[in-house]
Amino acid sequence: MPTIRGIPGPYRFFFYSFDCNEPMHVHTRRERMLCKFWLEPVALCANDGFSPVELNRIRSIILKYHNLIQEAWDEHCGK
């Protein structure tokens, strides 16, 4: 479960090892909450526990660090 380094804040952004068969996306965790965002375009796919305010915050972080996340995806998935 590779974690994307270099994104500050209380959230952990990561991929699962089997994620490469799906369109590009990122998982985000804080405490026991978890969500998944598609990256092209950036859109919420799934949410378990995050409030709408936090989802908007996470989306903003994903947009800000989109290139870093995409590079990590490409490195993880071998593209």
PDB file of N, CA and C in Angstrom:
ATOM      1  N   MET A   1       0.847  -1.167   0.000  1.00  0.00           N
ATOM      2  CA  MET A   1       0.000   0.000   0.000  1.00  0.00           C
ATOM      3  C   MET A   1       0.899   1.239   0.000  1.00  0.00           C
ATOM      4  N   PRO A   2       1.361   1.677  -1.166  1.00  0.00           N
ATOM      5  CA  PRO A   2       2.276   2.813  -1.244  1.00  0.00           C
ATOM      6  C   PRO A   2       1.615   4.136  -0.831  1.00  0.00           C
ATOM      7  N   THR A   3       2.298   4.858   0.051  1.00  0.00           N
ATOM      8  CA  THR A   3       1.853   6.182   0.476  1.00  0.00           C
ATOM      9  C   THR A   3       2.563   7.222  -0.370  1.00  0.00           C
ATOM     10  N   ILE A   4       1.833   8.250  -0.762  1.00  0.00           N
ATOM     11  CA  ILE A   4       2.416   9.334  -1.549  1.00  0.00           C
ATOM     12  C   ILE A   4       3.083  10.302  -0.579  1.00  0.00           C
ATOM     13  N   ARG A   5       4.370  10.473  -0.707  1.00  0.00           N
ATOM     14  CA  ARG A   5       5.147  11.366   0.151  1.00  0.00           C
ATOM     15  C   ARG A   5       5.093  12.797  -0.381  1.00  0.00           C
ATOM     16  N   GLY A   6       5.230  13.745   0.528  1.00  0.00           N
ATOM     17  CA  GLY A   6       5.341  15.142   0.119  1.00  0.00           C
ATOM     18  C   GLY A   6       4.053  15.930   0.172  1.00  0.00           C
ATOM     19  N   ILE A   7       2.978  15.343   0.676  1.00  0.00           N
ATOM     20  CA  ILE A   7       1.715  16.066   0.811  1.00  0.00           C
ATOM     21  C   ILE A   7       1.495  16.308   2.304  1.00  0.00           C
ATOM     22  N   PRO A   8       1.635  17.565   2.750  1.00  0.00           N
ATOM     23  CA  PRO A   8       1.497  17.841   4.177  1.00  0.00           C
ATOM     24  C   PRO A   8       0.044  17.797   4.636  1.00  0.00           C
ATOM     25  N   GLY A   9      -0.138  17.650   5.937  1.00  0.00           N
ATOM     26  CA  GLY A   9      -1.480  17.689   6.496  1.00  0.00           C
ATOM     27  C   GLY A   9      -1.847  16.411   7.211  1.00  0.00           C
ATOM     28  N   PRO A  10      -3.074  16.356   7.689  1.00  0.00           N
ATOM     29  CA  PRO A  10      -3.507  15.218   8.501  1.00  0.00           C
ATOM     30  C   PRO A  10      -3.936  13.998   7.694  1.00  0.00           C
ATOM     31  N   TYR A  11      -3.928  14.106   6.368  1.00  0.00           N
ATOM     32  CA  TYR A  11      -4.437  13.022   5.519  1.00  0.00           C
ATOM     33  C   TYR A  11      -3.301  12.180   4.963  1.00  0.00           C
ATOM     34  N   ARG A  12      -3.580  10.913   4.779  1.00  0.00           N
ATOM     35  CA  ARG A  12      -2.644   9.997   4.118  1.00  0.00           C
ATOM     36  C   ARG A  12      -3.217   9.676   2.751  1.00  0.00           C
ATOM     37  N   PHE A  13      -2.466   9.949   1.714  1.00  0.00           N
ATOM     38  CA  PHE A  13      -2.862   9.666   0.336  1.00  0.00           C
ATOM     39  C   PHE A  13      -2.094   8.430  -0.119  1.00  0.00           C
ATOM     40  N   PHE A  14      -2.809   7.459  -0.708  1.00  0.00           N
ATOM     41  CA  PHE A  14      -2.150   6.195  -1.035  1.00  0.00           C
ATOM     42  C   PHE A  14      -2.905   5.460  -2.130  1.00  0.00           C
ATOM     43  N   PHE A  15      -2.250   4.383  -2.620  1.00  0.00           N
ATOM     44  CA  PHE A  15      -2.835   3.447  -3.577  1.00  0.00           C
ATOM     45  C   PHE A  15      -2.786   2.060  -2.956  1.00  0.00           C
ATOM     46  N   TYR A  16      -3.652   1.191  -3.422  1.00  0.00           N
ATOM     47  CA  TYR A  16      -3.548  -0.228  -3.094  1.00  0.00           C
ATOM     48  C   TYR A  16      -2.778  -0.914  -4.211  1.00  0.00           C
ATOM     49  N   SER A  17      -2.152  -2.033  -3.905  1.00  0.00           N
ATOM     50  CA  SER A  17      -1.336  -2.736  -4.897  1.00  0.00           C
ATOM     51  C   SER A  17      -2.142  -3.196  -6.105  1.00  0.00           C
ATOM     52  N   PHE A  18      -3.427  -3.480  -5.914  1.00  0.00           N
ATOM     53  CA  PHE A  18      -4.251  -3.983  -7.019  1.00  0.00           C
ATOM     54  C   PHE A  18      -4.978  -2.861  -7.769  1.00  0.00           C
ATOM     55  N   ASP A  19      -4.679  -1.607  -7.483  1.00  0.00           N
ATOM     56  CA  ASP A  19      -5.395  -0.468  -8.068  1.00  0.00           C
ATOM     57  C   ASP A  19      -5.141  -0.234  -9.548  1.00  0.00           C
ATOM     58  N   CYS A  20      -4.092  -0.753 -10.084  1.00  0.00           N
ATOM     59  CA  CYS A  20      -3.682  -0.399 -11.445  1.00  0.00           C
ATOM     60  C   CYS A  20      -4.657  -0.868 -12.521  1.00  0.00           C
ATOM     61  N   ASN A  21      -5.584  -1.746 -12.186  1.00  0.00           N
ATOM     62  CA  ASN A  21      -6.565  -2.200 -13.166  1.00  0.00           C
ATOM     63  C   ASN A  21      -7.742  -1.244 -13.295  1.00  0.00           C
ATOM     64  N   GLU A  22      -7.805  -0.228 -12.457  1.00  0.00           N
ATOM     65  CA  GLU A  22      -8.876   0.766 -12.493  1.00  0.00           C
ATOM     66  C   GLU A  22      -8.349   2.064 -13.088  1.00  0.00           C
ATOM     67  N   PRO A  23      -9.252   2.987 -13.450  1.00  0.00           N
ATOM     68  CA  PRO A  23      -8.781   4.307 -13.872  1.00  0.00           C
ATOM     69  C   PRO A  23      -7.986   4.970 -12.741  1.00  0.00           C
ATOM     70  N   MET A  24      -7.140   5.928 -13.096  1.00  0.00           N
ATOM     71  CA  MET A  24      -6.276   6.590 -12.133  1.00  0.00           C
ATOM     72  C   MET A  24      -7.090   7.211 -10.991  1.00  0.00           C
ATOM     73  N   HIS A  25      -6.694   6.909  -9.751  1.00  0.00           N
ATOM     74  CA  HIS A  25      -7.399   7.416  -8.579  1.00  0.00           C
ATOM     75  C   HIS A  25      -6.470   7.396  -7.374  1.00  0.00           C
ATOM     76  N   VAL A  26      -6.923   7.986  -6.282  1.00  0.00           N
ATOM     77  CA  VAL A  26      -6.150   8.000  -5.041  1.00  0.00           C
ATOM     78  C   VAL A  26      -7.103   7.791  -3.866  1.00  0.00           C
ATOM     79  N   HIS A  27      -6.627   7.071  -2.862  1.00  0.00           N
ATOM     80  CA  HIS A  27      -7.370   6.869  -1.615  1.00  0.00           C
ATOM     81  C   HIS A  27      -6.825   7.843  -0.584  1.00  0.00           C
ATOM     82  N   THR A  28      -7.691   8.295   0.305  1.00  0.00           N
ATOM     83  CA  THR A  28      -7.289   9.219   1.362  1.00  0.00           C
ATOM     84  C   THR A  28      -7.858   8.719   2.684  1.00  0.00           C
ATOM     85  N   ARG A  29      -7.005   8.730   3.717  1.00  0.00           N
ATOM     86  CA  ARG A  29      -7.426   8.254   5.032  1.00  0.00           C
ATOM     87  C   ARG A  29      -7.033   9.281   6.089  1.00  0.00           C
ATOM     88  N   ARG A  30      -7.910   9.432   7.071  1.00  0.00           N
ATOM     89  CA  ARG A  30      -7.624  10.157   8.308  1.00  0.00           C
ATOM     90  C   ARG A  30      -8.391   9.440   9.399  1.00  0.00           C
ATOM     91  N   GLU A  31      -7.666   8.997  10.410  1.00  0.00           N
ATOM     92  CA  GLU A  31      -8.259   8.201  11.477  1.00  0.00           C
ATOM     93  C   GLU A  31      -8.996   7.006  10.854  1.00  0.00           C
ATOM     94  N   ARG A  32     -10.287   6.856  11.104  1.00  0.00           N
ATOM     95  CA  ARG A  32     -11.025   5.709  10.546  1.00  0.00           C
ATOM     96  C   ARG A  32     -11.835   6.062   9.307  1.00  0.00           C
ATOM     97  N   MET A  33     -11.650   7.274   8.816  1.00  0.00           N
ATOM     98  CA  MET A  33     -12.390   7.724   7.629  1.00  0.00           C
ATOM     99  C   MET A  33     -11.565   7.447   6.377  1.00  0.00           C
ATOM    100  N   LEU A  34     -12.262   7.149   5.295  1.00  0.00           N
ATOM    101  CA  LEU A  34     -11.602   6.788   4.047  1.00  0.00           C
ATOM    102  C   LEU A  34     -12.440   7.291   2.872  1.00  0.00           C
ATOM    103  N   CYS A  35     -11.755   7.803   1.850  1.00  0.00           N
ATOM    104  CA  CYS A  35     -12.457   8.168   0.617  1.00  0.00           C
ATOM    105  C   CYS A  35     -11.565   7.841  -0.574  1.00  0.00           C
ATOM    106  N   LYS A  36     -12.177   7.876  -1.744  1.00  0.00           N
ATOM    107  CA  LYS A  36     -11.483   7.577  -2.994  1.00  0.00           C
ATOM    108  C   LYS A  36     -11.904   8.619  -4.015  1.00  0.00           C
ATOM    109  N   PHE A  37     -10.907   9.221  -4.683  1.00  0.00           N
ATOM    110  CA  PHE A  37     -11.173  10.204  -5.732  1.00  0.00           C
ATOM    111  C   PHE A  37     -10.582   9.724  -7.041  1.00  0.00           C
ATOM    112  N   TRP A  38     -11.378   9.815  -8.106  1.00  0.00           N
ATOM    113  CA  TRP A  38     -10.845   9.650  -9.455  1.00  0.00           C
ATOM    114  C   TRP A  38      -9.966  10.856  -9.732  1.00  0.00           C
ATOM    115  N   LEU A  39      -8.975  10.713 -10.607  1.00  0.00           N
ATOM    116  CA  LEU A  39      -8.049  11.814 -10.894  1.00  0.00           C
ATOM    117  C   LEU A  39      -8.271  12.479 -12.240  1.00  0.00           C
ATOM    118  N   GLU A  40      -8.969  11.844 -13.153  1.00  0.00           N
ATOM    119  CA  GLU A  40      -9.177  12.424 -14.490  1.00  0.00           C
ATOM    120  C   GLU A  40     -10.622  12.275 -14.922  1.00  0.00           C
ATOM    121  N   PRO A  41     -11.471  13.228 -14.636  1.00  0.00           N
ATOM    122  CA  PRO A  41     -11.263  14.449 -13.853  1.00  0.00           C
ATOM    123  C   PRO A  41     -11.340  14.130 -12.361  1.00  0.00           C
ATOM    124  N   VAL A  42     -10.890  15.074 -11.546  1.00  0.00           N
ATOM    125  CA  VAL A  42     -10.929  14.881 -10.096  1.00  0.00           C
ATOM    126  C   VAL A  42     -12.388  14.877  -9.650  1.00  0.00           C
ATOM    127  N   ALA A  43     -12.814  13.730  -9.112  1.00  0.00           N
ATOM    128  CA  ALA A  43     -14.213  13.564  -8.692  1.00  0.00           C
ATOM    129  C   ALA A  43     -14.285  12.494  -7.611  1.00  0.00           C
ATOM    130  N   LEU A  44     -15.160  12.706  -6.658  1.00  0.00           N
ATOM    131  CA  LEU A  44     -15.347  11.744  -5.581  1.00  0.00           C
ATOM    132  C   LEU A  44     -15.926  10.445  -6.128  1.00  0.00           C
ATOM    133  N   CYS A  45     -15.333   9.330  -5.730  1.00  0.00           N
ATOM    134  CA  CYS A  45     -15.812   8.005  -6.125  1.00  0.00           C
ATOM    135  C   CYS A  45     -16.517   7.320  -4.960  1.00  0.00           C
ATOM    136  N   ALA A  46     -15.918   7.406  -3.759  1.00  0.00           N
ATOM    137  CA  ALA A  46     -16.474   6.729  -2.585  1.00  0.00           C
ATOM    138  C   ALA A  46     -16.080   7.491  -1.330  1.00  0.00           C
ATOM    139  N   ASN A  47     -16.938   7.416  -0.319  1.00  0.00           N
ATOM    140  CA  ASN A  47     -16.675   8.095   0.937  1.00  0.00           C
ATOM    141  C   ASN A  47     -17.191   7.253   2.093  1.00  0.00           C
ATOM    142  N   ASP A  48     -16.367   7.134   3.117  1.00  0.00           N
ATOM    143  CA  ASP A  48     -16.772   6.440   4.332  1.00  0.00           C
ATOM    144  C   ASP A  48     -16.364   7.302   5.530  1.00  0.00           C
ATOM    145  N   GLY A  49     -17.226   8.272   5.879  1.00  0.00           N
ATOM    146  CA  GLY A  49     -17.033   9.019   7.103  1.00  0.00           C
ATOM    147  C   GLY A  49     -16.633  10.470   7.006  1.00  0.00           C
ATOM    148  N   PHE A  50     -16.102  10.907   5.879  1.00  0.00           N
ATOM    149  CA  PHE A  50     -15.698  12.307   5.764  1.00  0.00           C
ATOM    150  C   PHE A  50     -16.911  13.210   5.577  1.00  0.00           C
ATOM    151  N   SER A  51     -16.863  14.384   6.199  1.00  0.00           N
ATOM    152  CA  SER A  51     -17.924  15.379   6.023  1.00  0.00           C
ATOM    153  C   SER A  51     -17.751  16.061   4.666  1.00  0.00           C
ATOM    154  N   PRO A  52     -18.802  16.702   4.150  1.00  0.00           N
ATOM    155  CA  PRO A  52     -18.668  17.447   2.896  1.00  0.00           C
ATOM    156  C   PRO A  52     -17.564  18.505   2.951  1.00  0.00           C
ATOM    157  N   VAL A  53     -17.392  19.148   4.091  1.00  0.00           N
ATOM    158  CA  VAL A  53     -16.335  20.169   4.225  1.00  0.00           C
ATOM    159  C   VAL A  53     -14.960  19.529   4.049  1.00  0.00           C
ATOM    160  N   GLU A  54     -14.743  18.390   4.701  1.00  0.00           N
ATOM    161  CA  GLU A  54     -13.451  17.714   4.558  1.00  0.00           C
ATOM    162  C   GLU A  54     -13.248  17.167   3.155  1.00  0.00           C
ATOM    163  N   LEU A  55     -14.293  16.670   2.526  1.00  0.00           N
ATOM    164  CA  LEU A  55     -14.164  16.186   1.150  1.00  0.00           C
ATOM    165  C   LEU A  55     -13.746  17.319   0.220  1.00  0.00           C
ATOM    166  N   ASN A  56     -14.294  18.505   0.431  1.00  0.00           N
ATOM    167  CA  ASN A  56     -13.880  19.663  -0.375  1.00  0.00           C
ATOM    168  C   ASN A  56     -12.419  20.008  -0.114  1.00  0.00           C
ATOM    169  N   ARG A  57     -11.992  19.911   1.137  1.00  0.00           N
ATOM    170  CA  ARG A  57     -10.597  20.175   1.498  1.00  0.00           C
ATOM    171  C   ARG A  57      -9.679  19.148   0.828  1.00  0.00           C
ATOM    172  N   ILE A  58     -10.058  17.891   0.886  1.00  0.00           N
ATOM    173  CA  ILE A  58      -9.261  16.825   0.265  1.00  0.00           C
ATOM    174  C   ILE A  58      -9.188  17.028  -1.243  1.00  0.00           C
ATOM    175  N   ARG A  59     -10.318  17.366  -1.852  1.00  0.00           N
ATOM    176  CA  ARG A  59     -10.334  17.619  -3.297  1.00  0.00           C
ATOM    177  C   ARG A  59      -9.379  18.751  -3.658  1.00  0.00           C
ATOM    178  N   SER A  60      -9.364  19.805  -2.849  1.00  0.00           N
ATOM    179  CA  SER A  60      -8.454  20.935  -3.090  1.00  0.00           C
ATOM    180  C   SER A  60      -6.991  20.497  -2.990  1.00  0.00           C
ATOM    181  N   ILE A  61      -6.690  19.653  -2.012  1.00  0.00           N
ATOM    182  CA  ILE A  61      -5.326  19.144  -1.864  1.00  0.00           C
ATOM    183  C   ILE A  61      -4.948  18.295  -3.072  1.00  0.00           C
ATOM    184  N   ILE A  62      -5.866  17.454  -3.513  1.00  0.00           N
ATOM    185  CA  ILE A  62      -5.599  16.622  -4.693  1.00  0.00           C
ATOM    186  C   ILE A  62      -5.334  17.497  -5.914  1.00  0.00           C
ATOM    187  N   LEU A  63      -6.123  18.540  -6.091  1.00  0.00           N
ATOM    188  CA  LEU A  63      -5.890  19.447  -7.221  1.00  0.00           C
ATOM    189  C   LEU A  63      -4.530  20.130  -7.108  1.00  0.00           C
ATOM    190  N   LYS A  64      -4.172  20.550  -5.910  1.00  0.00           N
ATOM    191  CA  LYS A  64      -2.889  21.237  -5.701  1.00  0.00           C
ATOM    192  C   LYS A  64      -1.707  20.310  -5.985  1.00  0.00           C
ATOM    193  N   TYR A  65      -1.819  19.050  -5.589  1.00  0.00           N
ATOM    194  CA  TYR A  65      -0.722  18.093  -5.725  1.00  0.00           C
ATOM    195  C   TYR A  65      -0.983  17.064  -6.827  1.00  0.00           C
ATOM    196  N   HIS A  66      -1.817  17.429  -7.779  1.00  0.00           N
ATOM    197  CA  HIS A  66      -2.217  16.497  -8.836  1.00  0.00           C
ATOM    198  C   HIS A  66      -1.017  15.911  -9.575  1.00  0.00           C
ATOM    199  N   ASN A  67      -0.049  16.744  -9.926  1.00  0.00           N
ATOM    200  CA  ASN A  67       1.117  16.240 -10.664  1.00  0.00           C
ATOM    201  C   ASN A  67       1.906  15.236  -9.836  1.00  0.00           C
ATOM    202  N   LEU A  68       2.100  15.519  -8.560  1.00  0.00           N
ATOM    203  CA  LEU A  68       2.810  14.604  -7.675  1.00  0.00           C
ATOM    204  C   LEU A  68       2.069  13.272  -7.547  1.00  0.00           C
ATOM    205  N   ILE A  69       0.755  13.341  -7.395  1.00  0.00           N
ATOM    206  CA  ILE A  69      -0.056  12.128  -7.279  1.00  0.00           C
ATOM    207  C   ILE A  69      -0.002  11.326  -8.576  1.00  0.00           C
ATOM    208  N   GLN A  70      -0.101  12.012  -9.700  1.00  0.00           N
ATOM    209  CA  GLN A  70      -0.053  11.330 -10.991  1.00  0.00           C
ATOM    210  C   GLN A  70       1.310  10.672 -11.214  1.00  0.00           C
ATOM    211  N   GLU A  71       2.380  11.353 -10.850  1.00  0.00           N
ATOM    212  CA  GLU A  71       3.713  10.752 -10.974  1.00  0.00           C
ATOM    213  C   GLU A  71       3.838   9.506 -10.099  1.00  0.00           C
ATOM    214  N   ALA A  72       3.303   9.585  -8.873  1.00  0.00           N
ATOM    215  CA  ALA A  72       3.342   8.422  -7.980  1.00  0.00           C
ATOM    216  C   ALA A  72       2.530   7.270  -8.556  1.00  0.00           C
ATOM    217  N   TRP A  73       1.374   7.588  -9.157  1.00  0.00           N
ATOM    218  CA  TRP A  73       0.548   6.551  -9.797  1.00  0.00           C
ATOM    219  C   TRP A  73       1.334   5.884 -10.926  1.00  0.00           C
ATOM    220  N   ASP A  74       1.943   6.710 -11.791  1.00  0.00           N
ATOM    221  CA  ASP A  74       2.690   6.174 -12.922  1.00  0.00           C
ATOM    222  C   ASP A  74       3.847   5.304 -12.453  1.00  0.00           C
ATOM    223  N   GLU A  75       4.521   5.733 -11.388  1.00  0.00           N
ATOM    224  CA  GLU A  75       5.634   4.943 -10.855  1.00  0.00           C
ATOM    225  C   GLU A  75       5.117   3.619 -10.261  1.00  0.00           C
ATOM    226  N   HIS A  76       4.013   3.694  -9.540  1.00  0.00           N
ATOM    227  CA  HIS A  76       3.449   2.498  -8.909  1.00  0.00           C
ATOM    228  C   HIS A  76       2.902   1.514  -9.948  1.00  0.00           C
ATOM    229  N   CYS A  77       2.245   2.045 -10.950  1.00  0.00           N
ATOM    230  CA  CYS A  77       1.579   1.184 -11.938  1.00  0.00           C
ATOM    231  C   CYS A  77       2.436   0.901 -13.169  1.00  0.00           C
ATOM    232  N   GLY A  78       3.616   1.492 -13.227  1.00  0.00           N
ATOM    233  CA  GLY A  78       4.532   1.194 -14.315  1.00  0.00           C
ATOM    234  C   GLY A  78       4.157   1.776 -15.642  1.00  0.00           C
ATOM    235  N   LYS A  79       3.607   2.976 -15.634  1.00  0.00           N
ATOM    236  CA  LYS A  79       3.216   3.598 -16.904  1.00  0.00           C
ATOM    237  C   LYS A  79       4.203   4.631 -17.343  1.00  0.00           C
TER     238      LYS A  79
END
